[in-house]
Protein backbone atom coordinates (compact mmCIF):
# COMPACT_ATOMS: atom_id res chain seq x y z
CA MET A 1 -2.82 4.39 -2.08
CA ARG A 2 -2.49 1.66 -4.72
CA LEU A 3 -1.20 -1.75 -3.67
CA GLY A 4 -0.26 -4.50 -6.13
CA ILE A 5 -0.72 -8.08 -4.93
CA VAL A 6 1.88 -10.58 -6.15
CA GLY A 7 2.82 -14.14 -5.31
CA LEU A 8 3.14 -17.66 -6.66
CA PRO A 9 -0.01 -19.45 -7.87
CA ASN A 10 -2.15 -21.01 -5.12
CA VAL A 11 -0.70 -19.00 -2.25
CA GLY A 12 -4.10 -17.41 -1.50
CA LYS A 13 -3.77 -14.16 -3.47
CA SER A 14 -7.21 -14.24 -5.05
CA THR A 15 -8.87 -15.55 -1.88
CA LEU A 16 -7.34 -12.62 -0.01
CA PHE A 17 -8.27 -10.18 -2.78
CA ASN A 18 -11.87 -11.41 -2.75
CA ALA A 19 -12.08 -11.04 0.99
CA ILE A 20 -10.64 -7.56 1.27
CA THR A 21 -12.43 -6.09 -1.74
CA LYS A 22 -15.54 -8.30 -1.98
CA ALA A 23 -14.88 -8.07 -5.72
CA GLY A 24 -15.62 -11.70 -6.45
CA ALA A 25 -12.48 -12.56 -8.43
CA GLU A 26 -12.54 -16.19 -9.49
CA CYS A 27 -10.69 -18.41 -7.05
CA ALA A 28 -9.88 -22.06 -7.61
CA ASN A 29 -7.32 -24.73 -6.83
CA TYR A 30 -5.27 -24.54 -10.00
CA PRO A 31 -2.48 -22.25 -11.24
CA PHE A 32 -3.27 -19.13 -13.27
CA CYS A 33 -6.91 -18.97 -12.23
CA THR A 34 -6.51 -15.18 -12.29
CA ILE A 35 -5.88 -14.36 -15.95
CA GLU A 36 -6.81 -10.70 -16.22
CA PRO A 37 -5.74 -8.35 -13.43
CA ASN A 38 -8.49 -7.67 -10.91
CA VAL A 39 -8.86 -4.23 -9.38
CA GLY A 40 -10.80 -3.52 -6.20
CA VAL A 41 -11.25 -0.35 -4.16
CA VAL A 42 -11.53 -0.57 -0.38
CA ALA A 43 -12.62 2.12 2.06
CA VAL A 44 -10.09 2.76 4.80
CA PRO A 45 -11.74 2.06 8.17
CA ASP A 46 -11.57 5.26 10.24
CA PRO A 47 -13.64 5.61 13.44
CA ARG A 48 -12.74 9.31 13.48
CA LEU A 49 -15.02 9.87 10.50
CA ASP A 50 -17.84 8.11 12.33
CA PHE A 51 -17.53 10.59 15.20
CA LEU A 52 -17.46 13.55 12.82
CA ALA A 53 -20.53 12.21 11.06
CA SER A 54 -22.33 12.03 14.41
CA LEU A 55 -21.52 15.73 14.96
CA TYR A 56 -22.53 17.06 11.54
CA SER A 57 -25.00 14.52 10.03
CA PRO A 58 -23.43 15.26 6.63
CA GLU A 59 -24.94 14.68 3.21
CA LYS A 60 -21.81 12.76 2.18
CA TYR A 61 -19.44 10.45 4.06
CA THR A 62 -16.18 9.92 2.14
CA PRO A 63 -13.41 7.79 3.64
CA ALA A 64 -9.94 7.47 2.19
CA VAL A 65 -9.60 4.51 -0.16
CA VAL A 66 -7.02 1.89 -1.05
CA GLU A 67 -6.90 0.34 -4.51
CA PHE A 68 -5.76 -3.28 -4.72
CA VAL A 69 -4.52 -4.77 -8.00
CA ASP A 70 -4.38 -8.58 -8.13
CA ILE A 71 -2.44 -10.14 -11.01
CA ALA A 72 -1.94 -13.72 -12.18
CA GLY A 73 0.34 -15.89 -10.05
CA LEU A 74 3.98 -15.66 -11.08
CA VAL A 75 6.19 -18.71 -11.56
CA ARG A 76 9.90 -19.22 -12.09
CA GLY A 77 10.67 -17.91 -15.59
CA ALA A 78 7.69 -15.53 -15.72
CA SER A 79 9.94 -12.68 -16.89
CA LYS A 80 10.85 -14.82 -19.93
CA GLY A 81 7.30 -15.86 -20.71
CA GLU A 82 6.80 -18.92 -18.49
CA GLY A 83 3.31 -19.41 -17.10
CA LEU A 84 1.37 -16.39 -18.27
CA GLY A 85 4.54 -14.44 -18.86
CA ASN A 86 5.35 -11.03 -17.45
CA LYS A 87 2.82 -8.98 -19.40
CA PHE A 88 0.84 -8.82 -16.16
CA LEU A 89 3.79 -7.29 -14.33
CA SER A 90 3.19 -4.10 -16.29
CA ASN A 91 -0.14 -3.81 -14.51
CA ILE A 92 1.61 -3.16 -11.21
CA ARG A 93 4.37 -0.82 -12.39
CA GLU A 94 2.27 2.17 -11.33
CA VAL A 95 1.27 0.96 -7.86
CA ASP A 96 2.71 2.63 -4.76
CA ALA A 97 3.77 -0.57 -3.01
CA ILE A 98 3.67 -4.33 -3.41
CA VAL A 99 1.89 -6.81 -1.17
CA HIS A 100 3.79 -10.07 -1.56
CA VAL A 101 1.54 -12.92 -0.42
CA VAL A 102 3.59 -15.85 0.89
CA ARG A 103 2.05 -19.24 1.59
CA CYS A 104 2.70 -20.22 5.20
CA PHE A 105 0.40 -23.22 5.58
CA ASN A 106 0.37 -26.88 4.61
CA ASP A 107 -2.66 -28.31 2.83
CA SER A 108 -2.46 -31.40 0.65
CA ASN A 109 -5.73 -30.35 -1.01
CA VAL A 110 -4.21 -27.14 -2.36
CA VAL A 111 -1.37 -27.83 -4.76
CA HIS A 112 1.88 -25.88 -4.54
CA VAL A 113 3.73 -25.23 -7.79
CA ASP A 114 7.01 -26.36 -6.21
CA GLY A 115 5.63 -29.29 -4.24
CA GLU A 116 5.44 -27.79 -0.75
CA PRO A 117 5.66 -24.36 0.88
CA ASP A 118 9.09 -22.90 1.53
CA PRO A 119 8.78 -19.16 2.31
CA LYS A 120 12.46 -18.36 1.65
CA ARG A 121 12.50 -20.13 -1.72
CA ASP A 122 9.08 -18.77 -2.71
CA ILE A 123 10.05 -15.18 -1.86
CA GLU A 124 13.33 -15.50 -3.77
CA THR A 125 11.45 -16.84 -6.81
CA ILE A 126 9.15 -13.83 -6.97
CA GLU A 127 11.88 -11.29 -6.23
CA LEU A 128 14.09 -12.73 -8.98
CA GLU A 129 11.25 -12.42 -11.50
CA LEU A 130 10.68 -8.79 -10.50
CA ILE A 131 14.40 -8.09 -10.89
CA LEU A 132 14.56 -9.79 -14.31
CA SER A 133 11.53 -7.85 -15.47
CA ASP A 134 13.21 -4.63 -14.28
CA ILE A 135 16.40 -5.47 -16.18
CA GLU A 136 14.41 -5.82 -19.38
CA TYR A 137 12.56 -2.55 -18.71
CA LEU A 138 15.70 -0.66 -17.70
CA GLU A 139 17.60 -1.75 -20.80
CA ARG A 140 15.07 0.13 -22.91
CA ARG A 141 15.33 3.20 -20.68
CA LEU A 142 19.14 3.03 -20.83
CA ASP A 143 19.16 3.06 -24.62
CA LYS A 144 16.98 6.14 -24.62
CA GLN A 145 18.96 7.86 -21.84
CA ARG A 146 22.31 7.30 -23.59
CA LYS A 147 20.98 9.18 -26.62
CA ILE A 148 19.70 12.01 -24.41
CA ALA A 149 23.03 12.23 -22.56
CA LYS A 150 24.86 12.83 -25.86
CA THR A 151 22.87 16.03 -26.36
CA ASN A 152 24.42 17.50 -23.18
CA ILE A 153 21.00 18.30 -21.71
CA GLN A 154 21.52 19.41 -18.12
CA GLY A 155 21.28 16.49 -15.68
CA ALA A 156 21.05 13.83 -18.40
CA ALA A 157 24.51 12.40 -17.67
CA ALA A 158 23.71 12.09 -13.95
CA ILE A 159 20.51 10.19 -14.74
CA LEU A 160 22.45 7.87 -17.05
CA ARG A 161 24.99 7.13 -14.30
CA LEU A 162 22.15 6.34 -11.90
CA TYR A 163 20.48 3.99 -14.37
CA GLU A 164 23.79 2.21 -14.97
CA LYS A 165 24.37 1.90 -11.22
CA ILE A 166 20.94 0.30 -10.78
CA ASN A 167 21.42 -1.96 -13.79
CA ASP A 168 24.72 -3.27 -12.39
CA SER A 169 23.08 -4.10 -9.06
CA LEU A 170 20.09 -5.76 -10.70
CA GLY A 171 22.51 -7.89 -12.69
CA GLU A 172 23.93 -9.10 -9.37
CA GLY A 173 20.45 -10.06 -8.16
CA ILE A 174 20.05 -7.06 -5.84
CA SER A 175 16.61 -5.42 -5.75
CA ALA A 176 16.61 -1.72 -6.61
CA ARG A 177 15.06 -0.82 -3.24
CA ARG A 178 18.11 -2.30 -1.44
CA ILE A 179 20.58 0.02 -3.15
CA GLU A 180 21.83 3.09 -1.28
CA TYR A 181 20.98 6.38 -3.00
CA THR A 182 21.98 9.98 -2.45
CA ASN A 183 19.23 12.57 -1.97
CA GLU A 184 19.83 13.79 -5.53
CA GLU A 185 19.46 10.24 -6.86
CA LYS A 186 16.23 9.75 -4.93
CA GLU A 187 14.76 12.76 -6.74
CA MET A 188 15.77 11.27 -10.09
CA LEU A 189 14.12 7.95 -9.20
CA LYS A 190 10.63 9.43 -9.08
CA ASP A 191 10.05 8.80 -12.78
CA LEU A 192 11.44 5.26 -12.78
CA PRO A 193 8.67 2.70 -12.07
CA LEU A 194 10.86 -0.29 -11.24
CA LEU A 195 9.06 -3.19 -9.58
CA SER A 196 11.99 -4.08 -7.33
CA LEU A 197 12.23 -0.45 -6.20
CA LYS A 198 8.77 -0.39 -4.68
CA PRO A 199 8.29 -0.82 -0.91
CA VAL A 200 7.17 -4.33 -0.01
CA LEU A 201 4.74 -5.64 2.56
CA PHE A 202 4.98 -9.39 3.06
CA ALA A 203 1.57 -10.90 3.82
CA ALA A 204 2.16 -14.34 5.33
CA ASN A 205 -0.97 -16.35 4.59
CA ILE A 206 -1.28 -18.64 7.60
CA SER A 207 -3.80 -21.35 8.39
CA GLU A 208 -6.97 -20.70 10.37
CA ALA A 209 -5.59 -22.83 13.20
CA ASP A 210 -2.54 -20.53 13.58
CA ILE A 211 -4.39 -17.21 13.59
CA SER A 212 -4.45 -16.70 17.38
CA GLY A 213 -0.74 -17.47 17.69
CA PRO A 214 1.00 -16.86 14.35
CA ASP A 215 4.53 -17.47 15.68
CA THR A 216 5.09 -20.43 13.36
CA PRO A 217 8.40 -21.42 11.73
CA TYR A 218 7.03 -20.32 8.35
CA PHE A 219 5.99 -16.89 9.60
CA SER A 220 9.24 -16.46 11.56
CA GLU A 221 11.14 -17.03 8.32
CA VAL A 222 9.08 -14.36 6.54
CA GLN A 223 9.72 -11.92 9.41
CA LYS A 224 13.49 -12.49 9.20
CA ILE A 225 13.48 -11.82 5.47
CA ALA A 226 11.39 -8.67 5.94
CA GLU A 227 13.76 -7.36 8.62
CA SER A 228 16.79 -8.00 6.41
CA GLN A 229 15.17 -5.94 3.64
CA ASN A 230 13.88 -3.14 5.87
CA ALA A 231 10.38 -4.23 4.83
CA GLN A 232 7.31 -5.19 6.86
CA ALA A 233 5.55 -8.50 7.44
CA ILE A 234 2.10 -9.29 8.79
CA ALA A 235 0.38 -12.62 9.41
CA ILE A 236 -3.02 -12.92 7.79
CA SER A 237 -5.41 -15.78 7.12
CA ALA A 238 -7.07 -15.36 3.74
CA LYS A 239 -9.71 -17.92 4.70
CA ILE A 240 -10.66 -16.03 7.86
CA GLU A 241 -10.71 -12.71 5.99
CA GLU A 242 -13.09 -14.40 3.55
CA GLU A 243 -15.38 -15.36 6.43
CA ILE A 244 -15.22 -11.84 7.91
CA ALA A 245 -16.15 -10.33 4.54
CA ILE A 246 -19.55 -12.02 4.41
CA LEU A 247 -20.56 -11.00 7.94
CA GLU A 248 -22.68 -8.00 8.80
CA GLU A 249 -20.78 -5.11 10.38
CA SER A 250 -22.37 -5.80 13.77
CA GLU A 251 -21.22 -9.43 13.70
CA ARG A 252 -17.60 -8.82 12.78
CA ALA A 253 -16.40 -7.57 16.16
CA LEU A 254 -17.92 -10.59 17.92
CA PHE A 255 -16.35 -12.97 15.38
CA LEU A 256 -12.91 -11.38 15.86
CA GLU A 257 -13.31 -11.52 19.63
CA GLU A 258 -14.14 -15.23 19.48
CA LEU A 259 -10.95 -15.81 17.49
CA GLY A 260 -8.89 -13.77 19.93
CA ILE A 261 -8.07 -11.14 17.29
CA LEU A 262 -8.24 -7.43 18.05
CA VAL A 263 -7.97 -6.13 14.47
CA SER A 264 -8.84 -7.74 11.14
CA GLY A 265 -6.11 -8.60 8.65
CA LEU A 266 -7.42 -5.97 6.25
CA ASP A 267 -7.14 -3.22 8.85
CA ARG A 268 -3.60 -4.31 9.72
CA MET A 269 -2.65 -4.46 6.05
CA ILE A 270 -3.93 -0.92 5.45
CA ARG A 271 -2.17 0.42 8.55
CA ALA A 272 1.06 -1.28 7.49
CA GLY A 273 0.66 0.16 3.99
CA TYR A 274 0.26 3.69 5.37
CA GLN A 275 3.31 3.25 7.60
CA LEU A 276 5.35 1.70 4.78
CA LEU A 277 4.63 4.62 2.46
CA GLY A 278 4.81 7.33 5.12
CA LEU A 279 1.19 8.37 4.72
CA ILE A 280 -1.20 10.13 7.10
CA SER A 281 -4.78 11.39 6.88
CA PHE A 282 -6.25 14.79 7.63
CA LEU A 283 -9.99 15.31 7.97
CA THR A 284 -12.53 17.86 6.78
CA ALA A 285 -16.00 18.10 8.26
CA GLY A 286 -19.24 19.98 7.84
CA PRO A 287 -22.94 19.47 7.05
CA THR A 288 -22.12 18.91 3.36
CA GLU A 289 -19.44 16.24 3.80
CA VAL A 290 -17.05 14.57 6.23
CA ARG A 291 -13.99 13.25 4.47
CA ALA A 292 -10.53 11.78 5.02
CA TRP A 293 -7.67 12.90 2.77
CA THR A 294 -4.45 10.93 2.38
CA ILE A 295 -1.16 12.83 2.19
CA LYS A 296 2.54 12.17 2.71
CA ASP A 297 3.78 12.70 6.25
CA GLY A 298 5.61 16.03 6.24
CA THR A 299 3.20 17.75 3.84
CA LYS A 300 2.69 21.46 4.56
CA ALA A 301 -0.74 23.07 4.84
CA PRO A 302 -0.91 24.71 1.36
CA GLN A 303 -0.03 21.44 -0.38
CA ALA A 304 -2.58 19.59 1.74
CA ALA A 305 -5.16 22.17 0.68
CA GLY A 306 -4.17 21.45 -2.90
CA LYS A 307 -5.31 17.84 -2.43
CA ILE A 308 -8.85 19.21 -2.16
CA HIS A 309 -8.57 21.68 -5.03
CA SER A 310 -5.69 23.42 -6.77
CA ASP A 311 -7.38 26.80 -6.12
CA PHE A 312 -7.09 26.16 -2.38
CA GLU A 313 -3.31 25.87 -2.69
CA ARG A 314 -2.88 28.84 -5.02
CA GLY A 315 -5.01 31.15 -2.88
CA PHE A 316 -4.04 29.72 0.51
CA ILE A 317 -4.41 32.19 3.40
CA ARG A 318 -4.44 30.02 6.51
CA ALA A 319 -5.66 26.73 7.94
CA GLU A 320 -7.93 26.59 10.97
CA ILE A 321 -7.03 23.35 12.72
CA VAL A 322 -8.12 21.34 15.71
CA SER A 323 -6.64 17.95 16.48
CA PHE A 324 -9.14 15.11 16.38
CA LYS A 325 -8.25 14.18 19.98
CA ASP A 326 -9.09 17.71 21.18
CA LEU A 327 -12.32 17.79 19.17
CA PHE A 328 -13.38 14.38 20.45
CA GLU A 329 -12.75 15.35 24.06
CA SER A 330 -14.55 18.68 23.57
CA LYS A 331 -17.60 16.92 22.04
CA SER A 332 -18.20 19.81 19.62
CA TYR A 333 -16.29 22.26 17.42
CA ALA A 334 -17.83 25.23 19.26
CA THR A 335 -16.61 23.95 22.63
CA ALA A 336 -13.13 23.26 21.20
CA LYS A 337 -13.02 26.85 19.94
CA GLU A 338 -14.14 28.23 23.30
CA ARG A 339 -11.31 26.28 24.93
CA GLY A 340 -8.78 27.82 22.55
CA LEU A 341 -8.04 24.47 20.89
CA VAL A 342 -8.73 25.66 17.34
CA ARG A 343 -5.49 27.07 15.94
CA SER A 344 -4.77 29.31 12.98
CA GLU A 345 -1.78 27.98 11.04
CA GLY A 346 0.14 29.49 8.13
CA LYS A 347 2.03 28.27 5.07
CA ASP A 348 4.84 26.61 6.99
CA TYR A 349 2.61 24.41 9.13
CA VAL A 350 3.32 20.68 8.73
CA MET A 351 0.12 18.66 8.80
CA LYS A 352 -0.41 16.04 11.50
CA ASP A 353 -2.37 12.82 11.31
CA GLY A 354 -5.93 13.45 12.49
CA ASP A 355 -5.92 17.21 11.97
CA VAL A 356 -9.48 18.43 11.40
CA VAL A 357 -9.08 21.36 9.02
CA LEU A 358 -10.93 24.30 7.51
CA PHE A 359 -8.83 26.00 4.80
CA ARG A 360 -9.19 29.72 4.17
CA PHE A 361 -8.21 30.91 0.70
CA ASN A 362 -8.61 33.69 -1.89
CA VAL A 363 -10.34 32.80 -5.16
């Protein structure tokens, strides 16, 4: 899962990026501190792997990972070259979803490019720049597609109509993800990396004082906008995440408990990202390695096997599966098997989150 972090300058993007990736991106109180895009890879916290590791004492422990891409803060006119221009937007065209960091705190010591925070205005500023960047990108694709459509290649005219439909909506200020598409159109969209088409997670950066009760007017505004766009919103304090990041693992739970928080902002962001993109994880375990694999919800067993190796999919015979819940309650794989909880599933089996799997295949 690749997530691109966007937002205005000084909303806390780089502070949040530093905290969740421990990558040490420069962070300072002035616009455009982030000049080159920063990329950080984060392990997905998964207690299920810890349990499997306790059973097998494996040589390798491999969690699923999330890649975060942090780009320079965008300002009004970025798509036309204002600030650092939109060359950095190209760095997030290939991400799976966008994390839009919105400033939801007042601090006279941290300048705001428009004077003071206003979540609605700030969100609209960023969304407009994404739309304008998409218009510029789509114009180039339209020119190419018009030429292809003249050759009468099968399906080319339908793709052209779709591109024109999107272009018309973008021209009216409507994000591509808010347009209604037929199932056929959705298939055609897979090769179109529009920024405003990507799912969005709004990360409302609140103050440390509001973390135990984030129901502030600022955050409420972000929630309303997210609901209207069929998107998601979470409250997160970049400063607190920064403090969590420097603590030892054993100290983090106590720190969160003292703050009255059950789950860190990073964990909630990752969970929201999985939900937003319709992702789940299946697990493999043995003395060599315990590992989590990320797949789309609805993936069938052979395609899940293909995530491990293409040979597994081509030569798929069956999948021997036990749910993590059953394995945990049984305390061992052998006991789960004795209880009849290990199932043999064929090619039509749809994988479930937490399935612990052994794939059988022909070479």
